[in-house]
Amino acid sequence: MIALREIDRDNFYDVIKLSVSDEQKEFVASNLFSLAQAKAYPECICLAINQDEVLVGFTMYCIDQEDQEYWIYRLMIDAAHQSKGYGKAAM
């Protein structure tokens, strides 16, 4: 079962180690950059994506200052866990 979990001291380093394939890197910011961005923009919420107890991805959502709507700014599934339906389930 997919669960969205808080990023804390217990999973922080594992989250920043997650990565998409080389061919996908130009399409999504690194998780390290996203976590730094969320520090500067506290309205951004970062979450770990877990399949049962296994960390498989990362997401960040935020309320847009212009339209006051929530947007998913980041959604990534680690290259080793892609094509298993985790991204769709996380959505």
Protein backbone atom coordinates (compact mmCIF):
# COMPACT_ATOMS: atom_id res chain seq x y z
CA MET A 1 0.00 0.00 0.00
CA ILE A 2 1.28 3.47 -0.91
CA ALA A 3 1.74 5.93 1.95
CA LEU A 4 2.92 9.55 1.94
CA ARG A 5 5.20 10.14 4.90
CA GLU A 6 6.91 13.10 6.50
CA ILE A 7 10.58 13.56 5.70
CA ASP A 8 12.54 13.60 8.92
CA ARG A 9 15.97 12.73 10.28
CA ASP A 10 15.24 9.02 9.90
CA ASN A 11 14.62 9.10 6.14
CA PHE A 12 16.24 12.37 4.98
CA TYR A 13 19.43 10.84 3.56
CA ASP A 14 17.52 8.02 1.88
CA VAL A 15 15.19 10.54 0.23
CA ILE A 16 18.05 12.59 -1.21
CA LYS A 17 19.65 9.40 -2.58
CA LEU A 18 16.57 8.64 -4.71
CA SER A 19 17.08 9.36 -8.39
CA VAL A 20 15.38 8.99 -11.73
CA SER A 21 17.18 7.50 -14.72
CA ASP A 22 19.79 9.61 -16.53
CA GLU A 23 17.34 10.16 -19.42
CA GLN A 24 14.78 11.66 -17.02
CA LYS A 25 17.04 13.97 -14.99
CA GLU A 26 16.37 17.01 -17.19
CA PHE A 27 12.65 16.78 -16.41
CA VAL A 28 12.66 16.84 -12.60
CA ALA A 29 14.71 18.67 -9.99
CA SER A 30 16.73 16.61 -7.55
CA ASN A 31 15.16 15.85 -4.20
CA LEU A 32 17.98 17.73 -2.49
CA PHE A 33 17.14 20.87 -4.49
CA SER A 34 13.42 20.41 -3.76
CA LEU A 35 14.04 20.11 -0.02
CA ALA A 36 16.19 23.26 -0.09
CA GLN A 37 13.50 25.05 -2.09
CA ALA A 38 10.90 24.07 0.50
CA LYS A 39 13.06 25.62 3.21
CA ALA A 40 13.01 28.95 1.35
CA TYR A 41 9.31 28.53 0.41
CA PRO A 42 7.68 27.10 3.55
CA GLU A 43 4.32 26.81 1.79
CA CYS A 44 5.85 23.86 -0.12
CA ILE A 45 5.24 20.48 1.50
CA CYS A 46 7.66 17.61 0.81
CA LEU A 47 6.71 13.99 1.42
CA ALA A 48 8.33 10.61 0.98
CA ILE A 49 6.43 8.03 -1.05
CA ASN A 50 6.55 4.58 0.50
CA GLN A 51 5.27 1.25 -0.76
CA ASP A 52 4.60 -0.53 2.50
CA GLU A 53 7.89 0.11 4.34
CA VAL A 54 10.02 0.66 1.22
CA LEU A 55 10.90 4.22 0.18
CA VAL A 56 10.14 4.48 -3.54
CA GLY A 57 9.75 8.17 -4.33
CA PHE A 58 9.27 11.81 -3.44
CA THR A 59 6.63 14.47 -3.94
CA MET A 60 6.26 18.17 -3.21
CA TYR A 61 3.06 20.17 -3.35
CA CYS A 62 2.29 23.76 -2.58
CA ILE A 63 -0.33 26.45 -2.79
CA ASP A 64 0.37 28.78 -5.70
CA GLN A 65 0.62 32.42 -4.61
CA GLU A 66 -1.00 33.68 -7.82
CA ASP A 67 -4.08 31.50 -8.20
CA GLN A 68 -4.38 30.21 -4.60
CA GLU A 69 -4.72 26.65 -5.93
CA TYR A 70 -2.70 23.65 -4.79
CA TRP A 71 -0.22 22.30 -7.34
CA ILE A 72 1.94 19.21 -7.38
CA TYR A 73 5.37 20.70 -8.07
CA ARG A 74 7.34 17.48 -7.91
CA LEU A 75 6.58 13.80 -8.26
CA MET A 76 9.35 11.31 -8.77
CA ILE A 77 9.69 7.57 -8.43
CA ASP A 78 13.20 6.17 -8.04
CA ALA A 79 14.51 4.50 -11.21
CA ALA A 80 14.66 1.12 -9.46
CA HIS A 81 10.95 1.30 -8.61
CA GLN A 82 9.45 2.67 -11.83
CA SER A 83 6.84 0.90 -13.97
CA LYS A 84 5.19 -0.68 -10.93
CA GLY A 85 2.23 1.73 -10.65
CA TYR A 86 3.64 3.63 -7.67
CA GLY A 87 3.43 7.06 -9.32
CA LYS A 88 -0.19 6.55 -10.28
CA ALA A 89 -1.02 5.24 -6.81
CA ALA A 90 0.72 8.20 -5.17
CA MET A 91 -1.34 10.62 -7.24
